[in-house]
Protein backbone atom coordinates (compact mmCIF):
# COMPACT_ATOMS: atom_id res chain seq x y z
CA MET A 1 88.43 -39.01 -35.88
CA ALA A 2 87.89 -35.22 -36.04
CA LEU A 3 84.44 -33.97 -37.27
CA SER A 4 84.49 -31.23 -39.93
CA ARG A 5 83.09 -27.86 -39.01
CA ASP A 6 79.94 -28.37 -41.09
CA VAL A 7 79.14 -31.53 -39.11
CA GLN A 8 79.90 -29.84 -35.68
CA ARG A 9 77.74 -26.91 -36.71
CA ALA A 10 74.84 -29.19 -37.69
CA LEU A 11 75.11 -31.17 -34.56
CA ALA A 12 75.15 -28.05 -32.43
CA TYR A 13 72.04 -26.61 -34.21
CA GLY A 14 70.39 -29.99 -33.96
CA GLY A 15 71.15 -30.28 -30.20
CA ASN A 16 69.82 -26.82 -29.48
CA ALA A 17 66.61 -27.38 -31.45
CA THR A 18 66.10 -30.75 -29.53
CA VAL A 19 66.68 -29.04 -26.24
CA VAL A 20 64.30 -26.07 -27.13
CA THR A 21 61.70 -28.49 -28.39
CA ALA A 22 61.87 -30.42 -25.09
CA LEU A 23 61.46 -27.40 -23.17
CA VAL A 24 58.42 -26.32 -25.22
CA VAL A 25 56.82 -29.73 -24.85
CA LEU A 26 57.40 -29.55 -20.98
CA LEU A 27 56.09 -26.05 -20.82
CA VAL A 28 52.91 -26.92 -22.76
CA GLY A 29 52.36 -29.99 -20.52
CA ALA A 30 52.76 -27.78 -17.46
CA LEU A 31 50.46 -25.14 -18.78
CA TYR A 32 47.89 -27.90 -19.51
CA GLY A 33 48.15 -29.19 -16.07
CA VAL A 34 47.62 -25.92 -14.55
CA ALA A 35 44.67 -25.27 -16.92
CA ASP A 36 43.16 -28.66 -16.19
CA ARG A 37 43.26 -28.00 -12.54
CA ASN A 38 42.05 -24.38 -12.81
CA ARG A 39 39.65 -24.28 -15.67
CA VAL A 40 38.44 -20.79 -16.80
CA THR A 41 35.58 -20.61 -19.38
CA ALA A 42 34.19 -17.58 -21.20
CA ASP A 43 30.66 -17.49 -22.65
CA LEU A 44 31.07 -15.57 -25.98
CA SER A 45 27.44 -16.40 -27.07
CA GLU A 46 24.88 -13.51 -27.84
CA GLY A 47 22.67 -13.05 -24.57
CA GLN A 48 25.04 -15.30 -22.54
CA GLU A 49 22.99 -18.43 -23.70
CA ASN A 50 25.72 -20.94 -22.25
CA THR A 51 25.87 -19.33 -18.81
CA LEU A 52 23.76 -20.80 -16.05
CA GLN A 53 20.82 -18.42 -15.10
CA ILE A 54 20.88 -16.50 -11.78
CA ASP A 55 17.83 -18.44 -10.61
CA THR A 56 19.62 -21.75 -11.20
CA LEU A 57 22.68 -20.69 -9.24
CA ASN A 58 20.39 -19.57 -6.46
CA LYS A 59 18.58 -23.04 -6.41
CA LEU A 60 22.00 -24.70 -6.50
CA GLU A 61 23.14 -22.69 -3.49
CA LEU A 62 19.95 -23.67 -1.55
CA LEU A 63 20.48 -27.40 -2.44
CA GLU A 64 24.06 -27.04 -0.79
CA GLY A 65 22.50 -26.05 2.43
CA ASP A 66 22.37 -29.39 3.93
CA GLU A 67 25.42 -30.75 1.97
CA GLN A 68 23.29 -33.82 0.78
CA LEU A 69 24.38 -35.25 -2.55
CA VAL A 70 22.19 -34.44 -5.61
CA THR A 71 22.57 -37.01 -8.54
CA VAL A 72 21.53 -36.13 -12.09
CA THR A 73 21.44 -39.05 -14.33
CA ALA A 74 20.68 -38.24 -18.02
CA PHE A 75 20.05 -41.05 -20.68
CA SER A 76 20.96 -40.58 -24.32
CA HIS A 77 18.50 -40.02 -27.18
CA GLN A 78 17.80 -42.64 -29.78
CA GLU A 79 20.82 -43.21 -32.18
CA GLY A 80 20.27 -42.52 -35.82
CA LYS A 81 17.65 -39.72 -35.49
CA ARG A 82 18.24 -36.55 -37.00
CA ASP A 83 18.59 -34.34 -33.89
CA THR A 84 20.15 -36.87 -31.59
CA TYR A 85 23.63 -35.50 -31.70
CA VAL A 86 22.45 -31.91 -30.92
CA LYS A 87 20.14 -32.97 -28.15
CA ASP A 88 22.79 -35.13 -26.44
CA ARG A 89 25.41 -32.41 -26.70
CA GLU A 90 23.02 -29.82 -25.06
CA VAL A 91 22.25 -32.22 -22.24
CA LYS A 92 25.89 -32.99 -21.70
CA ASP A 93 26.92 -29.28 -21.63
CA LEU A 94 24.30 -28.70 -19.07
CA LEU A 95 25.53 -31.62 -16.84
CA VAL A 96 29.00 -30.05 -17.01
CA GLU A 97 27.85 -26.66 -16.04
CA LEU A 98 25.63 -27.95 -13.06
CA GLU A 99 28.55 -30.09 -11.70
CA ARG A 100 30.99 -27.20 -12.01
CA ALA A 101 28.65 -24.78 -10.37
CA SER A 102 27.90 -26.90 -7.25
CA SER A 103 30.00 -29.23 -4.97
CA VAL A 104 26.87 -31.37 -4.12
CA VAL A 105 25.74 -32.03 -7.74
CA ASN A 106 26.97 -35.32 -9.27
CA THR A 107 26.06 -35.89 -12.89
CA GLU A 108 26.21 -39.03 -15.30
CA PHE A 109 25.37 -39.32 -18.96
CA ILE A 110 24.24 -43.00 -19.82
CA GLU A 111 24.06 -44.45 -23.19
CA PHE A 112 20.56 -45.87 -23.17
CA ASP A 113 21.13 -48.75 -25.58
CA ARG A 114 24.55 -49.75 -24.09
CA GLU A 115 23.62 -49.48 -20.41
CA ARG A 116 20.15 -50.97 -20.12
CA LEU A 117 20.73 -52.37 -16.69
CA THR A 118 21.16 -48.77 -15.25
CA ALA A 119 17.91 -47.79 -17.00
CA GLU A 120 15.99 -50.84 -15.65
CA LYS A 121 17.49 -50.13 -12.16
CA LEU A 122 16.02 -46.58 -12.32
CA GLY A 123 12.77 -47.65 -13.89
CA VAL A 124 13.51 -45.58 -17.10
CA THR A 125 11.94 -46.87 -20.22
CA GLU A 126 12.43 -43.95 -22.75
CA TYR A 127 15.25 -42.31 -24.54
CA GLY A 128 16.39 -38.83 -23.36
CA HIS A 129 14.97 -39.20 -19.67
CA VAL A 130 16.56 -37.45 -16.82
CA VAL A 131 16.36 -38.52 -13.21
CA ILE A 132 17.15 -36.18 -10.40
CA GLN A 133 17.63 -37.79 -6.80
CA ARG A 134 18.55 -36.46 -3.50
CA GLY A 135 18.29 -38.95 -0.61
CA GLU A 136 14.76 -40.59 -1.04
CA GLU A 137 13.47 -37.62 -3.16
CA ARG A 138 13.24 -38.11 -6.78
CA VAL A 139 12.00 -36.03 -9.86
CA ASP A 140 11.87 -37.39 -13.26
CA ILE A 141 12.10 -35.11 -16.42
CA ARG A 142 10.87 -36.52 -19.64
CA ALA A 143 12.46 -36.02 -23.05
CA ARG A 144 9.58 -33.88 -24.37
CA GLU A 145 10.14 -31.50 -21.37
CA LEU A 146 13.65 -30.89 -22.56
CA PHE A 147 13.19 -29.78 -26.04
CA ARG A 148 10.71 -28.29 -28.44
CA LYS A 149 10.57 -27.14 -32.01
CA GLY A 150 11.00 -23.32 -32.58
CA PRO A 151 9.11 -21.23 -35.08
CA ASP A 152 12.02 -21.76 -37.65
CA GLY A 153 11.99 -25.56 -36.98
CA GLU A 154 15.21 -25.55 -35.00
CA VAL A 155 15.37 -27.56 -31.66
CA GLN A 156 15.21 -25.34 -28.68
CA PHE A 157 16.56 -26.54 -25.48
CA LEU A 158 14.55 -26.28 -22.23
CA GLY A 159 16.65 -28.28 -20.00
CA GLU A 160 17.78 -25.60 -17.55
CA GLY A 161 14.23 -24.57 -17.02
CA ALA A 162 13.17 -28.28 -16.52
CA PHE A 163 16.01 -28.53 -13.92
CA ASN A 164 14.93 -25.41 -12.09
CA ARG A 165 11.43 -26.85 -11.80
CA ALA A 166 12.67 -30.20 -10.50
CA ALA A 167 14.89 -28.33 -7.94
CA ALA A 168 12.01 -26.32 -6.70
CA GLN A 169 10.10 -29.57 -6.22
CA ILE A 170 12.90 -30.94 -4.27
CA LEU A 171 13.40 -27.84 -2.12
CA SER A 172 9.63 -27.66 -1.40
CA ASP A 173 8.27 -30.42 0.87
CA ARG A 174 4.91 -30.02 -0.92
CA GLN A 175 3.08 -28.02 -3.63
CA ARG A 176 2.05 -24.55 -2.40
CA VAL A 177 -1.59 -23.59 -3.42
CA ILE A 178 -2.26 -19.91 -3.99
CA TYR A 179 -5.88 -19.10 -4.55
CA SER A 180 -7.01 -16.39 -7.02
CA LEU A 181 -10.29 -14.63 -6.03
CA GLN A 182 -12.94 -14.85 -8.75
CA GLY A 183 -16.62 -13.56 -9.17
CA HIS A 184 -15.94 -9.72 -9.10
CA GLY A 185 -14.46 -9.21 -12.55
CA GLU A 186 -10.90 -10.26 -11.62
CA LYS A 187 -8.46 -11.53 -14.17
CA SER A 188 -8.87 -15.26 -14.69
CA VAL A 189 -6.36 -17.99 -14.21
CA SER A 190 -7.60 -19.99 -17.16
CA ASP A 191 -7.84 -17.02 -19.57
CA SER A 192 -5.09 -17.46 -22.32
CA GLY A 193 -5.93 -13.91 -23.90
CA PRO A 194 -3.84 -10.75 -23.48
CA GLN A 195 -5.57 -9.87 -20.16
CA GLY A 196 -5.57 -13.41 -18.57
CA LEU A 197 -3.28 -15.04 -16.09
CA SER A 198 -2.59 -18.36 -17.79
CA ASP A 199 1.14 -17.51 -18.29
CA LEU A 200 1.51 -16.41 -14.70
CA SER A 201 0.04 -19.82 -13.71
CA SER A 202 2.64 -21.61 -15.87
CA LEU A 203 5.38 -19.50 -14.22
CA LEU A 204 4.20 -20.31 -10.76
CA ASP A 205 3.77 -24.00 -11.63
CA LYS A 206 7.49 -24.23 -12.42
CA GLU A 207 8.13 -23.04 -8.78
CA ASN A 208 5.89 -25.75 -7.41
CA TYR A 209 3.21 -23.22 -6.74
CA ARG A 210 -0.28 -23.91 -7.91
CA LEU A 211 -2.60 -20.98 -8.82
CA LYS A 212 -6.04 -22.09 -8.22
CA PRO A 213 -9.40 -20.09 -8.75
CA LEU A 214 -11.49 -19.32 -5.64
CA ASP A 215 -15.21 -18.28 -5.64
CA PHE A 216 -16.17 -17.95 -2.03
CA PHE A 217 -19.97 -18.78 -2.75
CA GLN A 218 -19.44 -21.56 -5.43
CA ALA A 219 -16.82 -23.17 -3.05
CA SER A 220 -19.10 -23.14 -0.17
CA GLU A 221 -22.28 -25.19 0.71
CA PRO A 222 -25.49 -23.29 0.54
CA GLY A 223 -25.82 -20.98 3.53
CA ALA A 224 -22.10 -21.64 4.76
CA ILE A 225 -20.06 -18.57 5.77
CA PRO A 226 -17.28 -18.01 3.09
CA ILE A 227 -13.75 -18.93 4.45
CA VAL A 228 -10.24 -19.12 2.81
CA PRO A 229 -9.38 -22.87 2.31
CA LEU A 230 -7.18 -24.30 4.98
CA ASP A 231 -4.55 -25.34 2.49
CA ALA A 232 -3.99 -21.84 1.13
CA ALA A 233 -0.37 -20.55 1.10
CA GLY A 234 -1.71 -17.25 -0.08
CA VAL A 235 -4.68 -15.35 -1.84
CA LEU A 236 -4.46 -13.29 -5.02
CA ILE A 237 -6.89 -10.52 -5.70
CA ALA A 238 -6.22 -9.43 -9.29
CA GLY A 239 -8.02 -6.31 -10.57
CA PRO A 240 -11.61 -6.73 -9.18
CA THR A 241 -14.12 -4.44 -10.92
CA GLY A 242 -17.12 -5.18 -8.65
CA PRO A 243 -17.55 -4.86 -4.83
CA LEU A 244 -16.91 -7.87 -2.34
CA THR A 245 -19.79 -8.72 -0.10
CA ASP A 246 -19.43 -8.14 3.61
CA ALA A 247 -19.09 -11.98 4.23
CA GLU A 248 -16.20 -12.07 1.71
CA GLN A 249 -14.66 -9.03 3.22
CA ASP A 250 -14.79 -10.76 6.71
CA ALA A 251 -13.34 -13.93 5.27
CA LEU A 252 -10.25 -12.06 4.12
CA VAL A 253 -9.89 -10.11 7.34
CA GLY A 254 -10.04 -13.30 9.25
CA TYR A 255 -7.57 -14.91 7.01
CA VAL A 256 -5.02 -12.17 7.70
CA ALA A 257 -5.85 -12.14 11.26
CA GLY A 258 -4.75 -15.76 11.40
CA GLY A 259 -1.38 -14.98 9.79
CA GLY A 260 -2.41 -15.25 6.10
CA ALA A 261 -0.80 -13.78 2.99
CA LEU A 262 -2.40 -11.54 0.25
CA LEU A 263 -1.33 -10.11 -2.98
CA ILE A 264 -3.81 -7.25 -3.89
CA ALA A 265 -3.41 -5.68 -7.36
CA LEU A 266 -6.03 -2.93 -7.84
CA ASP A 267 -6.78 -0.63 -10.77
CA PRO A 268 -8.06 3.03 -10.71
CA ARG A 269 -11.68 3.22 -9.36
CA ALA A 270 -11.40 -0.28 -7.87
CA PRO A 271 -13.79 -1.30 -5.14
CA GLU A 272 -12.75 -0.88 -1.48
CA ILE A 273 -10.96 -3.90 0.30
CA ASP A 274 -11.66 -3.74 3.95
CA ILE A 275 -8.40 -5.16 5.07
CA LEU A 276 -6.68 -2.29 3.38
CA ASP A 277 -8.88 0.22 5.08
CA ASP A 278 -7.94 -1.41 8.44
CA LEU A 279 -4.27 -0.72 7.49
CA ASN A 280 -4.86 2.87 6.33
CA VAL A 281 -3.82 2.01 2.86
CA ARG A 282 -6.18 3.57 0.18
CA ILE A 283 -6.44 4.06 -3.63
CA ALA A 284 -6.30 7.78 -4.42
CA THR A 285 -8.54 9.27 -6.95
CA GLY A 286 -6.85 9.69 -10.33
CA VAL A 287 -4.08 7.99 -12.28
CA ALA A 288 -0.30 8.05 -11.71
CA ALA A 289 1.52 9.95 -14.42
CA ASP A 290 5.12 10.93 -15.01
CA LYS A 291 7.20 12.84 -17.42
CA ARG A 292 9.13 9.63 -18.19
CA VAL A 293 7.14 6.99 -19.95
CA TYR A 294 7.66 3.81 -21.98
CA TYR A 295 7.30 4.97 -25.43
CA PRO A 296 4.71 5.02 -27.19
CA HIS A 297 2.48 4.38 -24.16
CA PRO A 298 1.63 7.50 -22.29
CA ASP A 299 -0.11 5.58 -19.49
CA ARG A 300 3.03 3.41 -18.70
CA PRO A 301 5.21 5.67 -16.64
CA VAL A 302 8.78 4.37 -15.82
CA PRO A 303 8.75 3.26 -12.11
CA GLN A 304 11.48 3.79 -9.63
CA TYR A 305 12.37 0.81 -7.44
CA GLY A 306 12.31 0.94 -3.60
CA ARG A 307 14.43 -1.16 -1.42
CA HIS A 308 13.04 -4.70 -0.97
CA GLY A 309 14.15 -8.28 -1.64
CA THR A 310 11.49 -8.59 -4.42
CA VAL A 311 12.96 -5.83 -6.51
CA ASP A 312 16.75 -5.38 -5.43
CA GLU A 313 18.10 -7.46 -8.16
CA LEU A 314 15.84 -5.99 -10.67
CA ARG A 315 17.21 -2.52 -9.76
CA GLU A 316 20.84 -3.83 -9.78
CA GLN A 317 20.46 -5.36 -13.25
CA LYS A 318 18.45 -2.36 -14.40
CA LEU A 319 15.42 -4.59 -15.55
CA ALA A 320 12.34 -2.55 -15.96
CA THR A 321 8.86 -3.75 -14.62
CA VAL A 322 6.14 -2.28 -16.87
CA LEU A 323 2.87 -1.26 -15.25
CA ALA A 324 -0.01 0.36 -17.20
CA HIS A 325 -2.72 2.80 -16.13
CA ILE A 326 -1.67 2.82 -12.41
CA ALA A 327 -3.76 3.74 -9.46
CA PRO A 328 -1.95 5.85 -7.03
CA LEU A 329 -1.53 4.41 -3.41
CA ARG A 330 -1.96 6.37 -0.25
CA LEU A 331 0.16 4.74 2.45
CA PRO A 332 0.17 5.67 6.11
CA ALA A 333 2.46 8.48 6.90
CA THR A 334 3.49 6.78 10.19
CA ALA A 335 2.94 3.18 10.50
CA PRO A 336 2.07 1.44 13.80
CA GLU A 337 4.69 -0.58 15.69
CA TRP A 338 3.24 -3.78 14.56
CA MET A 339 3.31 -3.02 10.75
CA THR A 340 6.26 -2.51 8.45
CA VAL A 341 5.86 -0.57 5.26
CA ASP A 342 8.25 -1.01 2.30
CA VAL A 343 7.65 0.81 -0.93
CA LEU A 344 8.23 -1.29 -4.00
CA PHE A 345 7.43 1.07 -6.92
CA LYS A 346 7.16 4.95 -6.90
CA SER A 347 7.23 7.69 -9.55
CA SER A 348 10.22 9.96 -10.12
CA ARG A 349 10.11 13.45 -8.67
CA ASP A 350 8.47 14.59 -11.81
CA GLY A 351 5.40 12.22 -11.28
CA TRP A 352 2.04 13.31 -10.22
CA ILE A 353 -1.53 12.05 -9.58
CA ASP A 354 -3.45 13.17 -12.76
CA ARG A 355 -7.21 14.02 -12.24
CA GLY A 356 -8.11 15.13 -15.66
CA GLY A 357 -7.58 18.24 -17.71
CA GLU A 358 -6.11 18.79 -21.06
CA LEU A 359 -3.53 16.34 -22.78
CA GLU A 360 -0.40 17.22 -24.53
CA VAL A 361 0.15 16.44 -28.22
CA GLY A 362 0.46 12.54 -28.54
CA GLY A 363 -1.78 11.88 -25.66
CA LEU A 364 0.53 12.56 -22.83
CA ALA A 365 -0.80 13.82 -19.58
CA ARG A 366 0.01 17.33 -18.53
CA TYR A 367 0.39 18.53 -14.75
CA GLU A 368 -2.15 21.12 -13.83
CA PRO A 369 -1.93 22.36 -10.43
CA GLU A 370 -5.59 23.29 -10.34
CA PHE A 371 -6.77 19.63 -11.01
CA ASP A 372 -3.68 17.43 -10.02
CA LEU A 373 -1.74 16.42 -7.01
CA PRO A 374 2.06 16.68 -7.00
CA GLY A 375 4.29 13.51 -6.57
CA PRO A 376 6.23 11.58 -5.95
CA VAL A 377 3.54 8.90 -6.17
CA ASP A 378 3.65 5.31 -4.69
CA TYR A 379 2.63 2.41 -6.93
CA GLY A 380 3.22 -0.53 -4.76
CA ALA A 381 4.23 -1.72 -1.23
CA ALA A 382 5.00 -4.75 0.84
CA LEU A 383 3.29 -4.88 4.38
CA THR A 384 4.52 -7.09 7.12
CA LEU A 385 2.13 -7.38 10.03
CA THR A 386 3.36 -8.85 13.22
CA PRO A 387 0.92 -10.38 15.81
CA ASP A 388 -0.06 -7.77 18.38
CA GLU A 389 -3.22 -7.18 20.67
CA ASN A 390 -3.69 -3.86 19.09
CA GLY A 391 -2.94 -4.97 15.48
CA VAL A 392 -4.75 -6.82 12.75
CA VAL A 393 -2.93 -10.15 13.28
CA GLU A 394 -3.96 -11.93 16.53
CA PRO A 395 -1.37 -12.83 19.08
CA GLY A 396 -0.12 -16.41 18.78
CA ASN A 397 -0.40 -16.59 14.99
CA ARG A 398 2.38 -16.22 12.47
CA VAL A 399 3.43 -12.89 10.79
CA ALA A 400 1.02 -11.94 8.05
CA ARG A 401 2.24 -10.49 4.73
CA ILE A 402 0.28 -8.27 2.35
CA MET A 403 1.50 -6.87 -1.02
CA VAL A 404 -0.65 -4.22 -2.64
CA LEU A 405 -0.14 -2.71 -6.10
CA GLY A 406 -1.87 0.00 -7.98
CA ASP A 407 -2.11 -2.06 -11.17
CA SER A 408 -3.15 -5.50 -12.18
CA ASP A 409 -2.07 -5.38 -15.88
CA TRP A 410 1.63 -6.10 -15.01
CA MET A 411 0.89 -9.72 -14.33
CA SER A 412 -1.26 -10.24 -17.43
CA ASN A 413 -0.17 -12.36 -20.33
CA GLU A 414 0.44 -9.27 -22.39
CA LEU A 415 2.76 -7.44 -20.16
CA LEU A 416 4.19 -10.53 -18.43
CA ALA A 417 5.77 -11.45 -21.80
CA THR A 418 6.79 -7.90 -22.89
CA GLY A 419 8.08 -6.33 -19.65
CA PRO A 420 11.83 -7.29 -18.97
CA GLY A 421 11.44 -7.46 -15.24
CA ASN A 422 7.83 -8.65 -14.99
CA GLY A 423 8.15 -12.28 -14.95
CA SER A 424 10.84 -12.09 -12.24
CA PHE A 425 8.96 -9.65 -10.24
CA ALA A 426 5.76 -11.83 -10.42
CA VAL A 427 7.56 -14.94 -9.24
CA ASN A 428 9.43 -13.03 -6.55
CA ALA A 429 6.13 -11.55 -5.28
CA PHE A 430 4.66 -14.91 -4.70
CA ARG A 431 7.90 -16.32 -3.24
CA TRP A 432 7.90 -13.47 -0.67
CA MET A 433 4.21 -13.74 0.03
CA VAL A 434 4.56 -17.51 1.10
CA TRP A 435 7.79 -16.91 2.94
CA ASP A 436 10.30 -18.44 0.42
CA ASP A 437 12.60 -15.48 0.86
CA ALA A 438 15.63 -17.57 0.36
CA ARG A 439 14.56 -18.21 -3.27
CA LEU A 440 14.23 -14.54 -4.29
CA SER A 441 16.18 -14.06 -7.55
CA LEU A 442 15.88 -13.24 -11.17
CA ILE A 443 14.34 -15.83 -13.34
CA GLY A 444 15.12 -16.95 -16.96
CA ALA A 445 17.88 -15.78 -19.37
CA PRO A 446 18.70 -12.14 -19.87
CA THR A 447 16.10 -10.69 -22.08
CA ALA A 448 16.84 -9.19 -25.43
CA VAL A 449 13.97 -6.69 -25.26
CA ARG A 450 14.91 -3.16 -25.04
CA ARG A 451 12.62 -0.45 -23.78
CA LEU A 452 12.85 3.21 -24.71
CA ALA A 453 11.88 5.66 -21.78
CA LEU A 454 11.33 9.23 -23.08
CA THR A 455 10.53 12.35 -21.09
CA GLU A 456 8.17 15.11 -22.46
CA GLU A 457 11.16 17.12 -23.41
CA ASP A 458 12.81 14.11 -25.25
CA GLN A 459 9.71 13.62 -27.38
CA GLY A 460 9.52 17.31 -28.09
CA ARG A 461 13.10 17.16 -29.38
CA ILE A 462 12.33 14.14 -31.55
CA ARG A 463 9.13 15.91 -32.89
CA PHE A 464 11.32 18.97 -33.77
CA LEU A 465 13.93 16.87 -35.52
CA VAL A 466 11.49 15.04 -37.64
CA VAL A 467 8.79 17.70 -38.44
CA PHE A 468 11.26 20.72 -38.82
CA LEU A 469 14.96 20.07 -38.91
CA LEU A 470 15.11 17.13 -41.19
CA PRO A 471 12.80 18.68 -43.86
CA LEU A 472 14.87 21.93 -43.67
CA LEU A 473 18.15 20.02 -44.22
CA ILE A 474 16.58 18.40 -47.24
CA LEU A 475 15.50 21.81 -48.58
CA ILE A 476 18.93 23.30 -48.02
CA SER A 477 20.62 20.29 -49.70
CA GLY A 478 18.21 20.52 -52.71
CA ALA A 479 18.87 24.24 -53.04
CA ALA A 480 22.64 23.69 -52.92
CA VAL A 481 22.62 21.06 -55.71
CA TRP A 482 20.18 23.34 -57.79
CA ALA A 483 22.46 26.33 -57.43
CA SER A 484 25.64 24.28 -58.21
CA ARG A 485 24.11 23.08 -61.42
CA ARG A 486 22.65 26.37 -62.48
CA GLY A 487 26.06 27.95 -62.10
CA ARG A 488 27.78 25.46 -64.51
């Protein structure tokens, strides 16, 4: 029986549509298979909030060093509560990113109420708990360490920072103790005010470093000679205003001679430190100044980074470290063979050592050749001392490390929170000091803080625009309006 033309045409169109549909389905399936095997993600959030931090990636790379499996087991939060869905989703997203970023990380999300046997096996008795294991090592993260309420009442996720802290504990065989010298007007570890070091202590605690106060005479028995404690991984001297005694100076020299590590942060007119004199490093009279400053602070010049592991990534990422009221350093022109000197911070070519004289409008310093000394000016340096018969470190001991900076405010609570690169530099400085070079990296998420660095000429142009040009334009506009109305 012959089919009509209309029926033949309908069958032809229907067959073509079926074939095309089948081909599209096959193509979508093939694309899905390729995408599933080669996943590509893009973080479109402001500030890259859903991307693992550089410090996290660095720690994951270190964990991969011995190819030992790291297991992260996370338990769900209690069902029925208001924020449970949001909290569980945040944890799951972090687990996915960790496993995707490392070949040795294996993650598992456990429903606490449905898999109580797994919880009992791991000794977990609370919702939202996280267990991280590598071999016989184990670190537990409690639910309250993963979240906190923000100022607006919203839940803030702290899971990546908690994981970094746990990874640091796994990577370190023990907690490192760094002593902070006290008794001479130094900044205090326990002080939570603007000039205190409580925030620095919290930062270091996340790296498994403990910042502990050291008063030589209070720590010693009556009549005993001051010595640096044997468990010291390093000693911090943060902004002393009074002189150290001869016995204290000898204790620090002896500590370095045995291969110790010091971080010395001094301000203008600081007391002399004997170990620096032995290395021909001195604080010059005056204050470091520059034409480029962090507006509106005339005493905060914009530093230039040197070439060193503690500042390399800060330079590459263009993150500024803010220092205030800086003491200029005099470094040795020619270092002996047993000492290596690496400059960390220095002024621009327009910098100088200001020794007084008149100020510009707005409080900016002005270079006056009759008083001041031309730059560039060094602000900070890292010194590496190898054992040598003619050197400071005695033969047979490990290499000593000393970091000296012409400012102590950069590590204070005030600048640590506001300087975009201050936190990363602070942690890296201590990592370098205690020989954790492999862990040198930026910490925390990219900051949203923006700093404006203005030269003296820039501020002059702004002053001209605000004081003269804008009022002049307003007068001209007003005159034009008045003239146009008068002519009507």
